[in-house]
Amino acid sequence: MTPWLAWVVVTLIGGLVGLGELVSRYRDAPFRAATSPPGVVYIVLNAVAGVAALALSRQLGWVMATDRGDIPLGWVLAAGFGAVAVLRSSVFAVRAGNQDVSVGPSALLQIVLQAADREVDRTRATQRALAVDRAMEGVSFEKAQAALPAYCLVLMQNVPQDEQERLAREVAALADSEMPEAAKARALGLALMNVVGEGVLQAAVRSLGEQIR
């Protein structure tokens, strides 16, 4: 593998792993989270780790280029995935109160991830509030609590059973709560948005129309 391609590959390995983590944490709008400033920092940190691992390996003479100057693919993959593993490792754990605190690269990565979580949560909270207001305007919780979740889940063909059960518990808790009707409807919309996303929720509300208003 040519040197320039090797650098591209290790960058992609680290970046895609970071992207995958963010996507799994923000199911309702994964790519909005990934393209936010803190999300980009997290992805770049993972990508830089891969590049640094390959650079260090070459500097220490661990990676031997071929006669043509190419870098073996195995070493490139080892550097990329090795950096990802090292970033998530801990040297030892310290007991602090009732918690075990990891000491090592994973601690730094966790701090960055938590900062990204908070910033993305704040950004997404504003966007989600506006989105659920638009989607659930005029929707009656009493009429929608059974029909809307069922219809959204039918539209989505691959929602895991555990997520469906968790959604059912959330809807049941809302039905038993003493919140105002409008607040219940918004909370129902947010619960559905977490599972099916903003676009599917809006489409389902439009499709059901007056049946849930």
N, C-alpha and C. Protein backbone atom coordinates (compact mmCIF):
# COMPACT_ATOMS: atom_id res chain seq x y z
N MET A 1 0.85 -1.19 0.00
CA MET A 1 0.00 0.00 0.00
C MET A 1 0.89 1.24 0.00
N THR A 2 0.61 2.17 -0.89
CA THR A 2 1.42 3.39 -0.97
C THR A 2 1.28 4.19 0.32
N PRO A 3 2.33 4.94 0.70
CA PRO A 3 2.29 5.68 1.96
C PRO A 3 1.08 6.61 2.09
N TRP A 4 0.77 7.36 1.02
CA TRP A 4 -0.35 8.29 1.14
C TRP A 4 -1.67 7.55 1.37
N LEU A 5 -1.83 6.39 0.74
CA LEU A 5 -3.05 5.61 0.94
C LEU A 5 -3.10 5.04 2.36
N ALA A 6 -1.93 4.68 2.89
CA ALA A 6 -1.87 4.17 4.26
C ALA A 6 -2.36 5.21 5.26
N TRP A 7 -1.94 6.48 5.05
CA TRP A 7 -2.39 7.55 5.95
C TRP A 7 -3.90 7.74 5.83
N VAL A 8 -4.41 7.66 4.63
CA VAL A 8 -5.86 7.80 4.43
C VAL A 8 -6.62 6.69 5.15
N VAL A 9 -6.12 5.46 5.04
CA VAL A 9 -6.81 4.31 5.64
C VAL A 9 -6.85 4.42 7.16
N VAL A 10 -5.72 4.74 7.80
CA VAL A 10 -5.72 4.83 9.26
C VAL A 10 -6.60 5.99 9.74
N THR A 11 -6.63 7.07 8.97
CA THR A 11 -7.51 8.19 9.31
C THR A 11 -8.96 7.76 9.24
N LEU A 12 -9.31 7.04 8.18
CA LEU A 12 -10.69 6.58 8.02
C LEU A 12 -11.09 5.59 9.11
N ILE A 13 -10.19 4.70 9.48
CA ILE A 13 -10.51 3.71 10.52
C ILE A 13 -10.89 4.42 11.82
N GLY A 14 -10.02 5.32 12.27
CA GLY A 14 -10.30 6.03 13.51
C GLY A 14 -11.55 6.90 13.42
N GLY A 15 -11.67 7.63 12.30
CA GLY A 15 -12.82 8.52 12.13
C GLY A 15 -14.13 7.76 12.08
N LEU A 16 -14.15 6.64 11.38
CA LEU A 16 -15.39 5.87 11.25
C LEU A 16 -15.80 5.22 12.56
N VAL A 17 -14.83 4.81 13.36
CA VAL A 17 -15.16 4.26 14.69
C VAL A 17 -15.80 5.34 15.56
N GLY A 18 -15.21 6.54 15.56
CA GLY A 18 -15.79 7.64 16.31
C GLY A 18 -17.17 8.00 15.81
N LEU A 19 -17.33 8.03 14.49
CA LEU A 19 -18.64 8.32 13.89
C LEU A 19 -19.66 7.27 14.31
N GLY A 20 -19.25 6.01 14.28
CA GLY A 20 -20.17 4.94 14.66
C GLY A 20 -20.65 5.07 16.09
N GLU A 21 -19.77 5.48 16.99
CA GLU A 21 -20.18 5.66 18.39
C GLU A 21 -21.21 6.78 18.52
N LEU A 22 -20.98 7.89 17.84
CA LEU A 22 -21.93 9.00 17.92
C LEU A 22 -23.27 8.63 17.30
N VAL A 23 -23.24 7.93 16.18
CA VAL A 23 -24.48 7.52 15.51
C VAL A 23 -25.30 6.63 16.43
N SER A 24 -24.64 5.73 17.16
CA SER A 24 -25.36 4.82 18.04
C SER A 24 -25.95 5.53 19.25
N ARG A 25 -25.40 6.69 19.61
CA ARG A 25 -25.88 7.40 20.80
C ARG A 25 -27.03 8.34 20.48
N TYR A 26 -27.15 8.76 19.24
CA TYR A 26 -28.19 9.72 18.86
C TYR A 26 -29.00 9.16 17.70
N ARG A 27 -29.93 8.27 18.03
CA ARG A 27 -30.64 7.53 17.00
C ARG A 27 -31.66 8.38 16.25
N ASP A 28 -32.18 9.43 16.88
CA ASP A 28 -33.22 10.21 16.20
C ASP A 28 -32.65 11.10 15.11
N ALA A 29 -31.42 11.57 15.28
CA ALA A 29 -30.78 12.41 14.25
C ALA A 29 -29.28 12.21 14.32
N PRO A 30 -28.80 11.03 13.96
CA PRO A 30 -27.39 10.69 14.18
C PRO A 30 -26.41 11.58 13.45
N PHE A 31 -26.70 11.95 12.21
CA PHE A 31 -25.71 12.70 11.45
C PHE A 31 -25.70 14.18 11.82
N ARG A 32 -26.80 14.68 12.37
CA ARG A 32 -26.76 16.03 12.92
C ARG A 32 -25.83 16.07 14.12
N ALA A 33 -25.88 15.03 14.94
CA ALA A 33 -24.98 14.96 16.10
C ALA A 33 -23.53 14.85 15.65
N ALA A 34 -23.29 14.03 14.63
CA ALA A 34 -21.93 13.80 14.16
C ALA A 34 -21.32 15.03 13.51
N THR A 35 -22.16 15.89 12.93
CA THR A 35 -21.64 17.08 12.26
C THR A 35 -21.63 18.32 13.16
N SER A 36 -22.06 18.17 14.40
CA SER A 36 -21.97 19.28 15.35
C SER A 36 -20.51 19.49 15.75
N PRO A 37 -20.13 20.69 16.21
CA PRO A 37 -18.73 20.94 16.57
C PRO A 37 -18.14 19.92 17.54
N PRO A 38 -18.81 19.60 18.67
CA PRO A 38 -18.20 18.61 19.57
C PRO A 38 -18.15 17.22 18.95
N GLY A 39 -19.13 16.90 18.12
CA GLY A 39 -19.10 15.61 17.44
C GLY A 39 -17.92 15.51 16.49
N VAL A 40 -17.65 16.59 15.78
CA VAL A 40 -16.51 16.61 14.86
C VAL A 40 -15.20 16.46 15.64
N VAL A 41 -15.10 17.12 16.80
CA VAL A 41 -13.89 17.00 17.62
C VAL A 41 -13.67 15.55 18.03
N TYR A 42 -14.73 14.87 18.40
CA TYR A 42 -14.61 13.47 18.84
C TYR A 42 -14.15 12.58 17.68
N ILE A 43 -14.72 12.80 16.51
CA ILE A 43 -14.33 12.01 15.33
C ILE A 43 -12.87 12.29 14.97
N VAL A 44 -12.49 13.57 14.99
CA VAL A 44 -11.12 13.94 14.64
C VAL A 44 -10.13 13.35 15.64
N LEU A 45 -10.49 13.34 16.93
CA LEU A 45 -9.60 12.78 17.95
C LEU A 45 -9.31 11.31 17.65
N ASN A 46 -10.34 10.56 17.28
CA ASN A 46 -10.14 9.15 16.95
C ASN A 46 -9.30 9.00 15.69
N ALA A 47 -9.53 9.86 14.70
CA ALA A 47 -8.77 9.80 13.46
C ALA A 47 -7.30 10.13 13.69
N VAL A 48 -7.05 11.16 14.50
CA VAL A 48 -5.67 11.57 14.79
C VAL A 48 -4.93 10.46 15.54
N ALA A 49 -5.64 9.73 16.39
CA ALA A 49 -5.00 8.63 17.12
C ALA A 49 -4.46 7.58 16.15
N GLY A 50 -5.23 7.27 15.11
CA GLY A 50 -4.77 6.31 14.12
C GLY A 50 -3.54 6.80 13.38
N VAL A 51 -3.56 8.06 12.99
CA VAL A 51 -2.42 8.65 12.29
C VAL A 51 -1.19 8.65 13.19
N ALA A 52 -1.38 9.03 14.46
CA ALA A 52 -0.26 9.07 15.40
C ALA A 52 0.33 7.68 15.62
N ALA A 53 -0.54 6.67 15.67
CA ALA A 53 -0.05 5.30 15.88
C ALA A 53 0.81 4.84 14.72
N LEU A 54 0.39 5.14 13.50
CA LEU A 54 1.17 4.74 12.33
C LEU A 54 2.49 5.52 12.27
N ALA A 55 2.42 6.82 12.58
CA ALA A 55 3.63 7.63 12.56
C ALA A 55 4.63 7.14 13.60
N LEU A 56 4.14 6.82 14.80
CA LEU A 56 5.02 6.34 15.86
C LEU A 56 5.62 4.98 15.50
N SER A 57 4.81 4.13 14.89
CA SER A 57 5.29 2.80 14.49
C SER A 57 6.41 2.91 13.47
N ARG A 58 6.27 3.84 12.54
CA ARG A 58 7.32 4.03 11.53
C ARG A 58 8.56 4.65 12.14
N GLN A 59 8.36 5.59 13.06
CA GLN A 59 9.49 6.26 13.69
C GLN A 59 10.33 5.29 14.52
N LEU A 60 9.65 4.34 15.17
CA LEU A 60 10.34 3.36 16.01
C LEU A 60 10.86 2.17 15.21
N GLY A 61 10.56 2.16 13.93
CA GLY A 61 11.04 1.08 13.09
C GLY A 61 10.22 -0.19 13.16
N TRP A 62 9.01 -0.10 13.73
CA TRP A 62 8.16 -1.29 13.81
C TRP A 62 7.56 -1.63 12.46
N VAL A 63 7.33 -0.62 11.64
CA VAL A 63 6.74 -0.83 10.32
C VAL A 63 7.84 -0.74 9.28
N MET A 64 8.08 -1.79 8.58
CA MET A 64 9.12 -1.83 7.56
C MET A 64 8.48 -1.74 6.17
N ALA A 65 8.85 -0.70 5.44
CA ALA A 65 8.31 -0.53 4.09
C ALA A 65 8.95 -1.54 3.14
N THR A 66 8.26 -1.82 2.06
CA THR A 66 8.79 -2.73 1.04
C THR A 66 9.86 -2.01 0.23
N ASP A 67 10.47 -2.74 -0.69
CA ASP A 67 11.51 -2.14 -1.54
C ASP A 67 10.99 -0.97 -2.34
N ARG A 68 9.70 -0.98 -2.67
CA ARG A 68 9.11 0.12 -3.44
C ARG A 68 8.64 1.26 -2.55
N GLY A 69 8.82 1.11 -1.24
CA GLY A 69 8.39 2.14 -0.32
C GLY A 69 6.97 1.96 0.18
N ASP A 70 6.31 0.87 -0.23
CA ASP A 70 4.94 0.63 0.20
C ASP A 70 4.91 0.15 1.65
N ILE A 71 3.76 0.40 2.31
CA ILE A 71 3.56 -0.05 3.69
C ILE A 71 2.61 -1.24 3.67
N PRO A 72 2.98 -2.36 4.28
CA PRO A 72 2.11 -3.54 4.27
C PRO A 72 0.73 -3.24 4.86
N LEU A 73 -0.31 -3.77 4.23
CA LEU A 73 -1.68 -3.52 4.67
C LEU A 73 -1.89 -3.96 6.11
N GLY A 74 -1.29 -5.08 6.49
CA GLY A 74 -1.46 -5.58 7.85
C GLY A 74 -1.02 -4.59 8.90
N TRP A 75 0.10 -3.92 8.64
CA TRP A 75 0.59 -2.91 9.58
C TRP A 75 -0.33 -1.70 9.63
N VAL A 76 -0.88 -1.34 8.50
CA VAL A 76 -1.80 -0.19 8.46
C VAL A 76 -3.04 -0.49 9.29
N LEU A 77 -3.61 -1.68 9.10
CA LEU A 77 -4.80 -2.07 9.87
C LEU A 77 -4.48 -2.19 11.36
N ALA A 78 -3.30 -2.74 11.66
CA ALA A 78 -2.90 -2.88 13.06
C ALA A 78 -2.77 -1.52 13.73
N ALA A 79 -2.20 -0.55 13.01
CA ALA A 79 -2.05 0.80 13.57
C ALA A 79 -3.41 1.45 13.78
N GLY A 80 -4.30 1.34 12.80
CA GLY A 80 -5.61 1.97 12.90
C GLY A 80 -6.45 1.39 14.02
N PHE A 81 -6.61 0.07 14.01
CA PHE A 81 -7.44 -0.56 15.03
C PHE A 81 -6.73 -0.62 16.38
N GLY A 82 -5.40 -0.69 16.35
CA GLY A 82 -4.66 -0.67 17.61
C GLY A 82 -4.82 0.65 18.33
N ALA A 83 -4.80 1.75 17.58
CA ALA A 83 -4.99 3.06 18.20
C ALA A 83 -6.37 3.19 18.81
N VAL A 84 -7.38 2.67 18.11
CA VAL A 84 -8.74 2.69 18.63
C VAL A 84 -8.82 1.91 19.95
N ALA A 85 -8.16 0.75 19.98
CA ALA A 85 -8.18 -0.08 21.20
C ALA A 85 -7.44 0.60 22.34
N VAL A 86 -6.27 1.19 22.04
CA VAL A 86 -5.48 1.85 23.08
C VAL A 86 -6.24 3.03 23.67
N LEU A 87 -6.92 3.81 22.82
CA LEU A 87 -7.70 4.95 23.31
C LEU A 87 -8.76 4.52 24.30
N ARG A 88 -9.25 3.30 24.16
CA ARG A 88 -10.33 2.83 25.02
C ARG A 88 -9.84 1.93 26.14
N SER A 89 -8.55 1.90 26.37
CA SER A 89 -7.98 1.04 27.41
C SER A 89 -7.72 1.84 28.69
N SER A 90 -7.61 1.13 29.78
CA SER A 90 -7.27 1.76 31.05
C SER A 90 -6.09 1.02 31.66
N VAL A 91 -5.21 1.77 32.32
CA VAL A 91 -4.02 1.17 32.93
C VAL A 91 -4.39 0.45 34.22
N PHE A 92 -5.21 1.13 35.03
CA PHE A 92 -5.71 0.52 36.26
C PHE A 92 -6.95 1.29 36.69
N ALA A 93 -7.64 0.79 37.70
CA ALA A 93 -8.86 1.42 38.20
C ALA A 93 -8.66 1.84 39.65
N VAL A 94 -9.17 3.02 39.98
CA VAL A 94 -9.07 3.54 41.34
C VAL A 94 -10.48 3.61 41.92
N ARG A 95 -10.63 3.14 43.14
CA ARG A 95 -11.93 3.18 43.80
C ARG A 95 -12.16 4.56 44.39
N ALA A 96 -13.20 5.25 43.93
CA ALA A 96 -13.54 6.58 44.44
C ALA A 96 -14.99 6.54 44.90
N GLY A 97 -15.18 6.49 46.22
CA GLY A 97 -16.54 6.36 46.74
C GLY A 97 -17.11 5.00 46.38
N ASN A 98 -18.22 5.03 45.67
CA ASN A 98 -18.87 3.78 45.25
C ASN A 98 -18.59 3.44 43.79
N GLN A 99 -17.64 4.15 43.18
CA GLN A 99 -17.38 3.95 41.76
C GLN A 99 -15.92 3.58 41.51
N ASP A 100 -15.71 2.79 40.46
CA ASP A 100 -14.35 2.50 39.99
C ASP A 100 -14.02 3.48 38.87
N VAL A 101 -12.96 4.26 39.07
CA VAL A 101 -12.56 5.27 38.09
C VAL A 101 -11.37 4.74 37.30
N SER A 102 -11.51 4.65 35.99
CA SER A 102 -10.43 4.16 35.14
C SER A 102 -9.36 5.22 34.97
N VAL A 103 -8.11 4.79 35.00
CA VAL A 103 -6.98 5.69 34.78
C VAL A 103 -6.25 5.22 33.54
N GLY A 104 -6.12 6.09 32.56
CA GLY A 104 -5.49 5.71 31.30
C GLY A 104 -6.10 6.49 30.15
N PRO A 105 -5.76 6.11 28.92
CA PRO A 105 -6.29 6.82 27.75
C PRO A 105 -7.81 6.86 27.70
N SER A 106 -8.47 5.80 28.18
CA SER A 106 -9.93 5.76 28.12
C SER A 106 -10.55 6.87 28.96
N ALA A 107 -9.86 7.28 30.03
CA ALA A 107 -10.39 8.35 30.88
C ALA A 107 -10.45 9.66 30.10
N LEU A 108 -9.38 9.95 29.34
CA LEU A 108 -9.37 11.16 28.52
C LEU A 108 -10.46 11.10 27.46
N LEU A 109 -10.57 9.95 26.81
CA LEU A 109 -11.58 9.81 25.76
C LEU A 109 -12.98 9.96 26.34
N GLN A 110 -13.19 9.43 27.54
CA GLN A 110 -14.50 9.52 28.18
C GLN A 110 -14.85 10.96 28.51
N ILE A 111 -13.86 11.74 28.94
CA ILE A 111 -14.09 13.16 29.23
C ILE A 111 -14.52 13.90 27.97
N VAL A 112 -13.81 13.63 26.86
CA VAL A 112 -14.16 14.27 25.59
C VAL A 112 -15.55 13.85 25.15
N LEU A 113 -15.86 12.55 25.30
CA LEU A 113 -17.17 12.05 24.89
C LEU A 113 -18.28 12.66 25.73
N GLN A 114 -18.05 12.80 27.03
CA GLN A 114 -19.06 13.40 27.90
C GLN A 114 -19.28 14.87 27.55
N ALA A 115 -18.18 15.58 27.24
CA ALA A 115 -18.32 16.97 26.82
C ALA A 115 -19.10 17.06 25.52
N ALA A 116 -18.80 16.15 24.59
CA ALA A 116 -19.55 16.11 23.33
C ALA A 116 -21.01 15.79 23.59
N ASP A 117 -21.26 14.85 24.50
CA ASP A 117 -22.64 14.49 24.85
C ASP A 117 -23.41 15.70 25.33
N ARG A 118 -22.82 16.44 26.26
CA ARG A 118 -23.52 17.59 26.83
C ARG A 118 -23.80 18.66 25.78
N GLU A 119 -22.79 18.95 24.96
CA GLU A 119 -22.97 19.99 23.94
C GLU A 119 -23.98 19.56 22.89
N VAL A 120 -23.86 18.32 22.44
CA VAL A 120 -24.81 17.82 21.44
C VAL A 120 -26.21 17.76 22.02
N ASP A 121 -26.32 17.35 23.29
CA ASP A 121 -27.63 17.30 23.94
C ASP A 121 -28.27 18.68 23.98
N ARG A 122 -27.47 19.70 24.32
CA ARG A 122 -28.03 21.05 24.38
C ARG A 122 -28.48 21.51 23.00
N THR A 123 -27.67 21.25 22.00
CA THR A 123 -28.03 21.64 20.64
C THR A 123 -29.25 20.89 20.15
N ARG A 124 -29.24 19.58 20.36
CA ARG A 124 -30.35 18.75 19.90
C ARG A 124 -31.63 19.03 20.68
N ALA A 125 -31.50 19.40 21.97
CA ALA A 125 -32.70 19.67 22.77
C ALA A 125 -33.51 20.81 22.16
N THR A 126 -32.83 21.86 21.75
CA THR A 126 -33.52 22.99 21.11
C THR A 126 -34.16 22.56 19.80
N GLN A 127 -33.41 21.83 18.98
CA GLN A 127 -33.94 21.37 17.70
C GLN A 127 -35.12 20.42 17.90
N ARG A 128 -35.01 19.52 18.89
CA ARG A 128 -36.07 18.55 19.13
C ARG A 128 -37.34 19.22 19.66
N ALA A 129 -37.17 20.25 20.51
CA ALA A 129 -38.33 20.96 21.03
C ALA A 129 -39.11 21.62 19.89
N LEU A 130 -38.40 22.25 18.97
CA LEU A 130 -39.06 22.89 17.83
C LEU A 130 -39.69 21.85 16.91
N ALA A 131 -38.98 20.74 16.69
CA ALA A 131 -39.48 19.70 15.79
C ALA A 131 -40.73 19.03 16.35
N VAL A 132 -40.74 18.74 17.65
CA VAL A 132 -41.91 18.07 18.22
C VAL A 132 -43.10 19.01 18.30
N ASP A 133 -42.84 20.31 18.47
CA ASP A 133 -43.94 21.28 18.43
C ASP A 133 -44.61 21.28 17.07
N ARG A 134 -43.79 21.25 16.02
CA ARG A 134 -44.35 21.24 14.66
C ARG A 134 -45.10 19.94 14.39
N ALA A 135 -44.49 18.83 14.77
CA ALA A 135 -45.08 17.53 14.44
C ALA A 135 -46.36 17.25 15.21
N MET A 136 -46.40 17.64 16.50
CA MET A 136 -47.52 17.25 17.37
C MET A 136 -48.53 18.36 17.58
N GLU A 137 -48.44 19.42 16.81
CA GLU A 137 -49.39 20.53 16.98
C GLU A 137 -50.82 20.04 16.72
N GLY A 138 -51.68 20.27 17.70
CA GLY A 138 -53.09 19.88 17.57
C GLY A 138 -53.38 18.42 17.82
N VAL A 139 -52.36 17.62 18.14
CA VAL A 139 -52.56 16.18 18.37
C VAL A 139 -53.08 15.97 19.79
N SER A 140 -54.10 15.12 19.92
CA SER A 140 -54.66 14.76 21.23
C SER A 140 -53.95 13.51 21.75
N PHE A 141 -53.40 13.61 22.94
CA PHE A 141 -52.74 12.44 23.51
C PHE A 141 -53.72 11.30 23.69
N GLU A 142 -54.92 11.61 24.13
CA GLU A 142 -55.92 10.57 24.38
C GLU A 142 -56.20 9.76 23.11
N LYS A 143 -56.28 10.45 21.99
CA LYS A 143 -56.57 9.77 20.73
C LYS A 143 -55.33 9.13 20.11
N ALA A 144 -54.17 9.70 20.39
CA ALA A 144 -52.95 9.27 19.71
C ALA A 144 -52.15 8.21 20.46
N GLN A 145 -52.40 8.03 21.75
CA GLN A 145 -51.51 7.19 22.57
C GLN A 145 -51.42 5.74 22.09
N ALA A 146 -52.48 5.24 21.47
CA ALA A 146 -52.44 3.87 20.95
C ALA A 146 -52.15 3.86 19.45
N ALA A 147 -52.85 4.72 18.72
CA ALA A 147 -52.77 4.68 17.25
C ALA A 147 -51.42 5.14 16.72
N LEU A 148 -50.90 6.24 17.26
CA LEU A 148 -49.67 6.82 16.69
C LEU A 148 -48.45 5.91 16.91
N PRO A 149 -48.19 5.41 18.13
CA PRO A 149 -47.05 4.49 18.28
C PRO A 149 -47.18 3.24 17.41
N ALA A 150 -48.39 2.68 17.37
CA ALA A 150 -48.59 1.46 16.56
C ALA A 150 -48.31 1.73 15.09
N TYR A 151 -48.79 2.87 14.59
CA TYR A 151 -48.60 3.20 13.18
C TYR A 151 -47.13 3.46 12.87
N CYS A 152 -46.44 4.18 13.77
CA CYS A 152 -45.01 4.45 13.56
C CYS A 152 -44.21 3.16 13.51
N LEU A 153 -44.53 2.23 14.40
CA LEU A 153 -43.79 0.97 14.44
C LEU A 153 -44.08 0.10 13.22
N VAL A 154 -45.29 0.20 12.69
CA VAL A 154 -45.61 -0.53 11.47
C VAL A 154 -44.84 0.05 10.29
N LEU A 155 -44.71 1.38 10.26
CA LEU A 155 -43.95 2.02 9.18
C LEU A 155 -42.48 1.58 9.22
N MET A 156 -41.94 1.45 10.43
CA MET A 156 -40.56 1.00 10.59
C MET A 156 -40.55 -0.52 10.69
N GLN A 157 -39.82 -1.18 9.83
CA GLN A 157 -39.89 -2.64 9.75
C GLN A 157 -38.90 -3.36 10.66
N ASN A 158 -37.92 -2.67 11.20
CA ASN A 158 -36.85 -3.37 11.91
C ASN A 158 -36.57 -2.80 13.30
N VAL A 159 -37.59 -2.31 13.99
CA VAL A 159 -37.39 -1.81 15.35
C VAL A 159 -37.24 -3.01 16.29
N PRO A 160 -36.14 -3.11 17.03
CA PRO A 160 -35.95 -4.26 17.93
C PRO A 160 -37.07 -4.38 18.95
N GLN A 161 -37.34 -5.60 19.37
CA GLN A 161 -38.43 -5.86 20.31
C GLN A 161 -38.23 -5.13 21.63
N ASP A 162 -36.99 -5.06 22.11
CA ASP A 162 -36.76 -4.39 23.39
C ASP A 162 -37.06 -2.90 23.31
N GLU A 163 -36.80 -2.28 22.15
CA GLU A 163 -37.14 -0.86 21.99
C GLU A 163 -38.65 -0.67 21.94
N GLN A 164 -39.35 -1.58 21.29
CA GLN A 164 -40.81 -1.51 21.25
C GLN A 164 -41.39 -1.63 22.66
N GLU A 165 -40.86 -2.53 23.45
CA GLU A 165 -41.35 -2.71 24.81
C GLU A 165 -41.05 -1.49 25.68
N ARG A 166 -39.86 -0.91 25.51
CA ARG A 166 -39.52 0.29 26.26
C ARG A 166 -40.44 1.44 25.88
N LEU A 167 -40.74 1.57 24.60
CA LEU A 167 -41.66 2.61 24.15
C LEU A 167 -43.04 2.41 24.76
N ALA A 168 -43.50 1.17 24.80
CA ALA A 168 -44.82 0.87 25.38
C ALA A 168 -44.86 1.28 26.86
N ARG A 169 -43.77 1.03 27.58
CA ARG A 169 -43.72 1.42 29.00
C ARG A 169 -43.74 2.94 29.15
N GLU A 170 -43.03 3.64 28.27
CA GLU A 170 -43.02 5.10 28.33
C GLU A 170 -44.41 5.68 28.06
N VAL A 171 -45.10 5.12 27.07
CA VAL A 171 -46.45 5.59 26.75
C VAL A 171 -47.40 5.31 27.91
N ALA A 172 -47.28 4.14 28.52
CA ALA A 172 -48.14 3.80 29.66
C ALA A 172 -47.89 4.75 30.83
N ALA A 173 -46.62 5.10 31.07
CA ALA A 173 -46.30 6.03 32.14
C ALA A 173 -46.88 7.41 31.86
N LEU A 174 -46.84 7.84 30.61
CA LEU A 174 -47.44 9.12 30.25
C LEU A 174 -48.94 9.11 30.47
N ALA A 175 -49.58 8.00 30.11
CA ALA A 175 -51.03 7.89 30.28
C ALA A 175 -51.42 7.99 31.75
N ASP A 176 -50.57 7.49 32.64
CA ASP A 176 -50.87 7.51 34.08
C ASP A 176 -50.47 8.81 34.75
N SER A 177 -49.70 9.64 34.06
CA SER A 177 -49.22 10.88 34.67
C SER A 177 -50.32 11.93 34.71
N GLU A 178 -50.07 12.97 35.50
CA GLU A 178 -51.06 14.05 35.65
C GLU A 178 -50.64 15.30 34.88
N MET A 179 -49.79 15.14 33.90
CA MET A 179 -49.37 16.28 33.08
C MET A 179 -50.54 16.79 32.25
N PRO A 180 -50.49 18.06 31.84
CA PRO A 180 -51.51 18.57 30.93
C PRO A 180 -51.52 17.79 29.62
N GLU A 181 -52.66 17.78 28.95
CA GLU A 181 -52.83 17.03 27.71
C GLU A 181 -51.78 17.41 26.66
N ALA A 182 -51.54 18.71 26.51
CA ALA A 182 -50.58 19.16 25.50
C ALA A 182 -49.17 18.67 25.81
N ALA A 183 -48.80 18.69 27.10
CA ALA A 183 -47.47 18.22 27.49
C ALA A 183 -47.33 16.73 27.25
N LYS A 184 -48.39 15.98 27.52
CA LYS A 184 -48.36 14.53 27.25
C LYS A 184 -48.15 14.26 25.76
N ALA A 185 -48.84 15.03 24.93
CA ALA A 185 -48.72 14.83 23.48
C ALA A 185 -47.29 15.11 23.03
N ARG A 186 -46.69 16.19 23.56
CA ARG A 186 -45.30 16.51 23.20
C ARG A 186 -44.35 15.41 23.67
N ALA A 187 -44.56 14.93 24.89
CA ALA A 187 -43.70 13.87 25.43
C ALA A 187 -43.85 12.59 24.61
N LEU A 188 -45.07 12.30 24.17
CA LEU A 188 -45.29 11.14 23.30
C LEU A 188 -44.50 11.30 21.99
N GLY A 189 -44.55 12.50 21.44
CA GLY A 189 -43.81 12.77 20.21
C GLY A 189 -42.31 12.59 20.39
N LEU A 190 -41.78 13.06 21.52
CA LEU A 190 -40.34 12.91 21.78
C LEU A 190 -39.96 11.44 21.94
N ALA A 191 -40.80 10.67 22.64
CA ALA A 191 -40.53 9.24 22.81
C ALA A 191 -40.50 8.53 21.47
N LEU A 192 -41.44 8.88 20.60
CA LEU A 192 -41.48 8.27 19.27
C LEU A 192 -40.31 8.73 18.41
N MET A 193 -39.94 10.00 18.55
CA MET A 193 -38.83 10.53 17.78
C MET A 193 -37.53 9.81 18.11
N ASN A 194 -37.37 9.40 19.37
CA ASN A 194 -36.18 8.67 19.77
C ASN A 194 -36.06 7.33 19.05
N VAL A 195 -37.20 6.75 18.68
CA VAL A 195 -37.20 5.42 18.08
C VAL A 195 -37.23 5.49 16.56
N VAL A 196 -38.11 6.33 16.01
CA VAL A 196 -38.33 6.31 14.55
C VAL A 196 -37.75 7.51 13.83
N GLY A 197 -37.39 8.57 14.57
CA GLY A 197 -36.85 9.76 13.93
C GLY A 197 -37.92 10.79 13.61
N GLU A 198 -37.44 12.00 13.35
CA GLU A 198 -38.34 13.13 13.13
C GLU A 198 -39.18 12.97 11.88
N GLY A 199 -38.57 12.54 10.78
CA GLY A 199 -39.29 12.44 9.51
C GLY A 199 -40.44 11.45 9.56
N VAL A 200 -40.21 10.27 10.15
CA VAL A 200 -41.27 9.26 10.23
C VAL A 200 -42.39 9.74 11.12
N LEU A 201 -42.06 10.40 12.22
CA LEU A 201 -43.09 10.93 13.12
C LEU A 201 -43.98 11.93 12.39
N GLN A 202 -43.37 12.86 11.67
CA GLN A 202 -44.15 13.85 10.94
C GLN A 202 -45.04 13.20 9.89
N ALA A 203 -44.50 12.22 9.18
CA ALA A 203 -45.28 11.52 8.16
C ALA A 203 -46.45 10.77 8.77
N ALA A 204 -46.23 10.13 9.92
CA ALA A 204 -47.29 9.37 10.59
C ALA A 204 -48.40 10.28 11.07
N VAL A 205 -48.04 11.44 11.64
CA VAL A 205 -49.05 12.39 12.11
C VAL A 205 -49.87 12.91 10.94
N ARG A 206 -49.21 13.24 9.84
CA ARG A 206 -49.94 13.71 8.66
C ARG A 206 -50.87 12.62 8.13
N SER A 207 -50.40 11.40 8.11
CA SER A 207 -51.19 10.30 7.57
C SER A 207 -52.43 10.02 8.41
N LEU A 208 -52.29 10.04 9.73
CA LEU A 208 -53.43 9.76 10.60
C LEU A 208 -54.39 10.95 10.68
N GLY A 209 -53.86 12.14 10.49
CA GLY A 209 -54.70 13.33 10.38
C GLY A 209 -55.68 13.53 11.53
N GLU A 210 -56.95 13.70 11.18
CA GLU A 210 -57.98 14.02 12.16
C GLU A 210 -58.27 12.88 13.13
N GLN A 211 -57.82 11.70 12.82
CA GLN A 211 -58.07 10.56 13.72
C GLN A 211 -57.38 10.72 15.06
N ILE A 212 -56.32 11.53 15.12
CA ILE A 212 -55.60 11.70 16.38
C ILE A 212 -55.65 13.15 16.85
N ARG A 213 -56.57 13.92 16.34
CA ARG A 213 -56.68 15.34 16.74
C ARG A 213 -57.99 15.59 17.49
